[in-house]
Amino acid sequence: MRKLRVVIAKPGLDGHDRGAKVIARALRDAGMEVIYTGLRQTPEQIVTAALQEDADVIGCRSLRRSQPHRPAADGIARGQGARRCAGG
C-alpha cells in the first residue's frame, strides 16, 4: 500500500513555521510521506508543489485570522482537478 503523501505549506508573509513543522513531524510519525515547502509560499506555488509531488493532501498553516490564501489555493487546486479541498 502506498503511503499517503502530504504537502505542508506556509502561505503568505508569516515567518513562524514551528506549528507547520510540528504537524509535519506528527504526520511522518503516523506513517505518511510529508513534503514541507518552506516559508512564504504563494497559493500557486503550493498547488504546483502538490501536483509535482503527486500529493494526496495539502496542509496550510497560517497565523493570520483571515487566511486569504486558502480560498485562492482551493480555487487553483480545483482548477487542476482536485476533488476535495479542506482545511483552515
N, C-alpha and C. Protein backbone atom coordinates (compact mmCIF):
# COMPACT_ATOMS: atom_id res chain seq x y z
N MET A 1 0.84 -1.18 0.00
CA MET A 1 0.00 0.00 0.00
C MET A 1 0.89 1.25 0.00
N ARG A 2 0.55 2.20 -0.82
CA ARG A 2 1.30 3.46 -0.94
C ARG A 2 1.02 4.35 0.26
N LYS A 3 2.07 5.00 0.75
CA LYS A 3 1.90 5.96 1.85
C LYS A 3 1.13 7.18 1.36
N LEU A 4 0.33 7.74 2.23
CA LEU A 4 -0.36 9.00 1.93
C LEU A 4 0.69 10.10 1.82
N ARG A 5 0.61 10.90 0.74
CA ARG A 5 1.57 11.99 0.51
C ARG A 5 0.91 13.32 0.86
N VAL A 6 1.57 14.07 1.74
CA VAL A 6 1.02 15.32 2.25
C VAL A 6 2.02 16.45 1.97
N VAL A 7 1.53 17.54 1.39
CA VAL A 7 2.34 18.75 1.24
C VAL A 7 1.92 19.70 2.35
N ILE A 8 2.90 20.14 3.15
CA ILE A 8 2.66 21.13 4.21
C ILE A 8 3.29 22.44 3.73
N ALA A 9 2.50 23.53 3.82
CA ALA A 9 2.97 24.82 3.30
C ALA A 9 2.67 25.94 4.28
N LYS A 10 3.47 27.00 4.18
CA LYS A 10 3.28 28.22 4.97
C LYS A 10 3.01 29.36 3.99
N PRO A 11 1.73 29.66 3.74
CA PRO A 11 1.41 30.72 2.78
C PRO A 11 1.65 32.12 3.35
N GLY A 12 1.85 33.04 2.45
CA GLY A 12 1.92 34.45 2.84
C GLY A 12 3.22 34.85 3.49
N LEU A 13 3.17 35.96 4.20
CA LEU A 13 4.37 36.56 4.77
C LEU A 13 4.66 36.13 6.20
N ASP A 14 3.83 35.28 6.76
CA ASP A 14 4.02 34.79 8.12
C ASP A 14 5.32 34.01 8.19
N GLY A 15 6.21 34.39 9.09
CA GLY A 15 7.50 33.73 9.20
C GLY A 15 7.61 32.73 10.32
N HIS A 16 6.52 32.41 10.96
CA HIS A 16 6.52 31.45 12.08
C HIS A 16 6.16 30.07 11.55
N ASP A 17 7.11 29.16 11.57
CA ASP A 17 6.84 27.85 10.98
C ASP A 17 6.90 26.68 11.96
N ARG A 18 7.02 26.97 13.23
CA ARG A 18 7.11 25.88 14.21
C ARG A 18 5.88 24.97 14.16
N GLY A 19 4.68 25.54 14.08
CA GLY A 19 3.46 24.75 14.03
C GLY A 19 3.42 23.83 12.82
N ALA A 20 3.83 24.34 11.67
CA ALA A 20 3.85 23.52 10.46
C ALA A 20 4.85 22.37 10.61
N LYS A 21 5.99 22.65 11.22
CA LYS A 21 7.00 21.61 11.41
C LYS A 21 6.54 20.55 12.41
N VAL A 22 5.82 20.97 13.45
CA VAL A 22 5.28 20.02 14.42
C VAL A 22 4.27 19.09 13.75
N ILE A 23 3.37 19.68 12.94
CA ILE A 23 2.39 18.88 12.22
C ILE A 23 3.08 17.93 11.24
N ALA A 24 4.06 18.44 10.52
CA ALA A 24 4.79 17.59 9.57
C ALA A 24 5.43 16.40 10.28
N ARG A 25 6.03 16.64 11.42
CA ARG A 25 6.67 15.56 12.19
C ARG A 25 5.64 14.54 12.67
N ALA A 26 4.50 15.02 13.16
CA ALA A 26 3.44 14.13 13.64
C ALA A 26 2.90 13.26 12.50
N LEU A 27 2.74 13.85 11.33
CA LEU A 27 2.26 13.08 10.17
C LEU A 27 3.28 12.04 9.74
N ARG A 28 4.57 12.41 9.76
CA ARG A 28 5.62 11.43 9.44
C ARG A 28 5.61 10.28 10.44
N ASP A 29 5.48 10.63 11.72
CA ASP A 29 5.45 9.60 12.76
C ASP A 29 4.25 8.68 12.60
N ALA A 30 3.17 9.18 11.98
CA ALA A 30 1.98 8.38 11.73
C ALA A 30 2.09 7.56 10.44
N GLY A 31 3.24 7.66 9.76
CA GLY A 31 3.47 6.84 8.59
C GLY A 31 3.22 7.50 7.25
N MET A 32 2.97 8.80 7.25
CA MET A 32 2.72 9.50 5.99
C MET A 32 4.03 10.05 5.43
N GLU A 33 4.04 10.24 4.13
CA GLU A 33 5.17 10.90 3.48
C GLU A 33 4.85 12.39 3.42
N VAL A 34 5.73 13.23 3.99
CA VAL A 34 5.45 14.65 4.12
C VAL A 34 6.48 15.45 3.34
N ILE A 35 5.99 16.42 2.55
CA ILE A 35 6.83 17.35 1.82
C ILE A 35 6.54 18.73 2.38
N TYR A 36 7.55 19.36 2.99
CA TYR A 36 7.39 20.71 3.55
C TYR A 36 7.96 21.70 2.55
N THR A 37 7.13 22.64 2.09
CA THR A 37 7.55 23.57 1.03
C THR A 37 8.33 24.76 1.55
N GLY A 38 8.29 25.03 2.84
CA GLY A 38 9.00 26.16 3.39
C GLY A 38 8.12 27.38 3.57
N LEU A 39 8.75 28.47 3.95
CA LEU A 39 8.05 29.71 4.28
C LEU A 39 7.67 30.53 3.05
N ARG A 40 6.68 31.38 3.24
CA ARG A 40 6.29 32.44 2.30
C ARG A 40 5.95 31.93 0.90
N GLN A 41 5.07 30.96 0.84
CA GLN A 41 4.65 30.38 -0.44
C GLN A 41 3.37 31.04 -0.93
N THR A 42 3.27 31.23 -2.22
CA THR A 42 2.02 31.72 -2.82
C THR A 42 1.09 30.53 -3.03
N PRO A 43 -0.22 30.79 -3.17
CA PRO A 43 -1.13 29.68 -3.46
C PRO A 43 -0.71 28.90 -4.72
N GLU A 44 -0.23 29.61 -5.73
CA GLU A 44 0.20 28.95 -6.96
C GLU A 44 1.37 28.02 -6.70
N GLN A 45 2.34 28.47 -5.90
CA GLN A 45 3.50 27.64 -5.59
C GLN A 45 3.10 26.40 -4.80
N ILE A 46 2.15 26.56 -3.88
CA ILE A 46 1.70 25.43 -3.07
C ILE A 46 1.03 24.38 -3.94
N VAL A 47 0.12 24.80 -4.80
CA VAL A 47 -0.59 23.85 -5.66
C VAL A 47 0.38 23.21 -6.66
N THR A 48 1.29 23.98 -7.21
CA THR A 48 2.28 23.43 -8.13
C THR A 48 3.12 22.36 -7.45
N ALA A 49 3.56 22.63 -6.22
CA ALA A 49 4.34 21.64 -5.47
C ALA A 49 3.53 20.37 -5.24
N ALA A 50 2.26 20.54 -4.89
CA ALA A 50 1.40 19.37 -4.65
C ALA A 50 1.24 18.54 -5.92
N LEU A 51 1.08 19.19 -7.05
CA LEU A 51 0.95 18.48 -8.31
C LEU A 51 2.25 17.76 -8.68
N GLN A 52 3.37 18.44 -8.51
CA GLN A 52 4.66 17.84 -8.84
C GLN A 52 4.98 16.65 -7.95
N GLU A 53 4.55 16.73 -6.70
CA GLU A 53 4.82 15.66 -5.74
C GLU A 53 3.75 14.58 -5.75
N ASP A 54 2.72 14.74 -6.57
CA ASP A 54 1.60 13.80 -6.62
C ASP A 54 0.99 13.62 -5.23
N ALA A 55 0.77 14.75 -4.56
CA ALA A 55 0.27 14.74 -3.18
C ALA A 55 -1.21 14.38 -3.12
N ASP A 56 -1.58 13.74 -2.03
CA ASP A 56 -2.98 13.41 -1.76
C ASP A 56 -3.66 14.52 -0.98
N VAL A 57 -2.87 15.27 -0.20
CA VAL A 57 -3.40 16.28 0.71
C VAL A 57 -2.48 17.49 0.71
N ILE A 58 -3.08 18.69 0.82
CA ILE A 58 -2.32 19.92 1.05
C ILE A 58 -2.71 20.45 2.42
N GLY A 59 -1.73 20.72 3.26
CA GLY A 59 -1.98 21.32 4.56
C GLY A 59 -1.31 22.67 4.63
N CYS A 60 -2.08 23.72 4.90
CA CYS A 60 -1.54 25.07 5.02
C CYS A 60 -1.68 25.53 6.46
N ARG A 61 -0.64 26.14 6.97
CA ARG A 61 -0.66 26.65 8.33
C ARG A 61 -0.42 28.15 8.28
N SER A 62 -1.35 28.91 8.84
CA SER A 62 -1.23 30.36 8.85
C SER A 62 -1.70 30.91 10.18
N LEU A 63 -0.97 31.89 10.70
CA LEU A 63 -1.37 32.54 11.94
C LEU A 63 -2.36 33.68 11.70
N ARG A 64 -2.57 34.02 10.44
CA ARG A 64 -3.50 35.10 10.10
C ARG A 64 -4.92 34.62 10.26
N ARG A 65 -5.74 35.42 10.89
CA ARG A 65 -7.14 35.04 11.10
C ARG A 65 -7.93 35.00 9.79
N SER A 66 -7.65 35.90 8.90
CA SER A 66 -8.45 35.98 7.67
C SER A 66 -8.11 34.88 6.68
N GLN A 67 -6.90 34.36 6.72
CA GLN A 67 -6.43 33.30 5.83
C GLN A 67 -6.85 33.52 4.37
N PRO A 68 -6.44 34.62 3.75
CA PRO A 68 -6.85 34.88 2.37
C PRO A 68 -6.26 33.91 1.37
N HIS A 69 -5.24 33.17 1.76
CA HIS A 69 -4.57 32.28 0.82
C HIS A 69 -5.33 30.98 0.60
N ARG A 70 -6.10 30.55 1.57
CA ARG A 70 -6.81 29.27 1.42
C ARG A 70 -7.83 29.29 0.29
N PRO A 71 -8.71 30.29 0.21
CA PRO A 71 -9.65 30.30 -0.92
C PRO A 71 -8.94 30.33 -2.27
N ALA A 72 -7.83 31.06 -2.35
CA ALA A 72 -7.09 31.12 -3.61
C ALA A 72 -6.51 29.75 -3.94
N ALA A 73 -5.91 29.08 -2.95
CA ALA A 73 -5.34 27.75 -3.18
C ALA A 73 -6.44 26.75 -3.54
N ASP A 74 -7.58 26.84 -2.88
CA ASP A 74 -8.71 25.95 -3.20
C ASP A 74 -9.12 26.11 -4.66
N GLY A 75 -9.24 27.36 -5.10
CA GLY A 75 -9.65 27.62 -6.49
C GLY A 75 -8.65 27.10 -7.49
N ILE A 76 -7.38 27.30 -7.20
CA ILE A 76 -6.34 26.81 -8.11
C ILE A 76 -6.34 25.28 -8.13
N ALA A 77 -6.44 24.67 -6.96
CA ALA A 77 -6.44 23.20 -6.88
C ALA A 77 -7.64 22.61 -7.61
N ARG A 78 -8.80 23.21 -7.44
CA ARG A 78 -9.99 22.72 -8.14
C ARG A 78 -9.83 22.87 -9.65
N GLY A 79 -9.20 23.95 -10.07
CA GLY A 79 -8.96 24.15 -11.49
C GLY A 79 -8.01 23.11 -12.06
N GLN A 80 -7.19 22.52 -11.20
CA GLN A 80 -6.26 21.48 -11.63
C GLN A 80 -6.84 20.08 -11.45
N GLY A 81 -8.10 20.00 -11.03
CA GLY A 81 -8.75 18.70 -10.95
C GLY A 81 -8.88 18.11 -9.56
N ALA A 82 -8.57 18.86 -8.50
CA ALA A 82 -8.72 18.33 -7.15
C ALA A 82 -10.20 18.03 -6.87
N ARG A 83 -10.45 16.94 -6.20
CA ARG A 83 -11.83 16.56 -5.91
C ARG A 83 -12.36 17.21 -4.65
N ARG A 84 -11.50 17.44 -3.69
CA ARG A 84 -11.97 17.99 -2.42
C ARG A 84 -10.88 18.86 -1.81
N CYS A 85 -11.27 20.00 -1.29
CA CYS A 85 -10.33 20.89 -0.60
C CYS A 85 -10.88 21.13 0.80
N ALA A 86 -10.01 20.98 1.78
CA ALA A 86 -10.44 21.18 3.16
C ALA A 86 -9.30 21.77 3.95
N GLY A 87 -9.59 22.28 5.11
CA GLY A 87 -8.56 22.82 5.97
C GLY A 87 -8.96 24.15 6.56
N GLY A 88 -8.03 24.75 7.25
CA GLY A 88 -8.33 26.03 7.88
C GLY A 88 -7.13 26.63 8.54
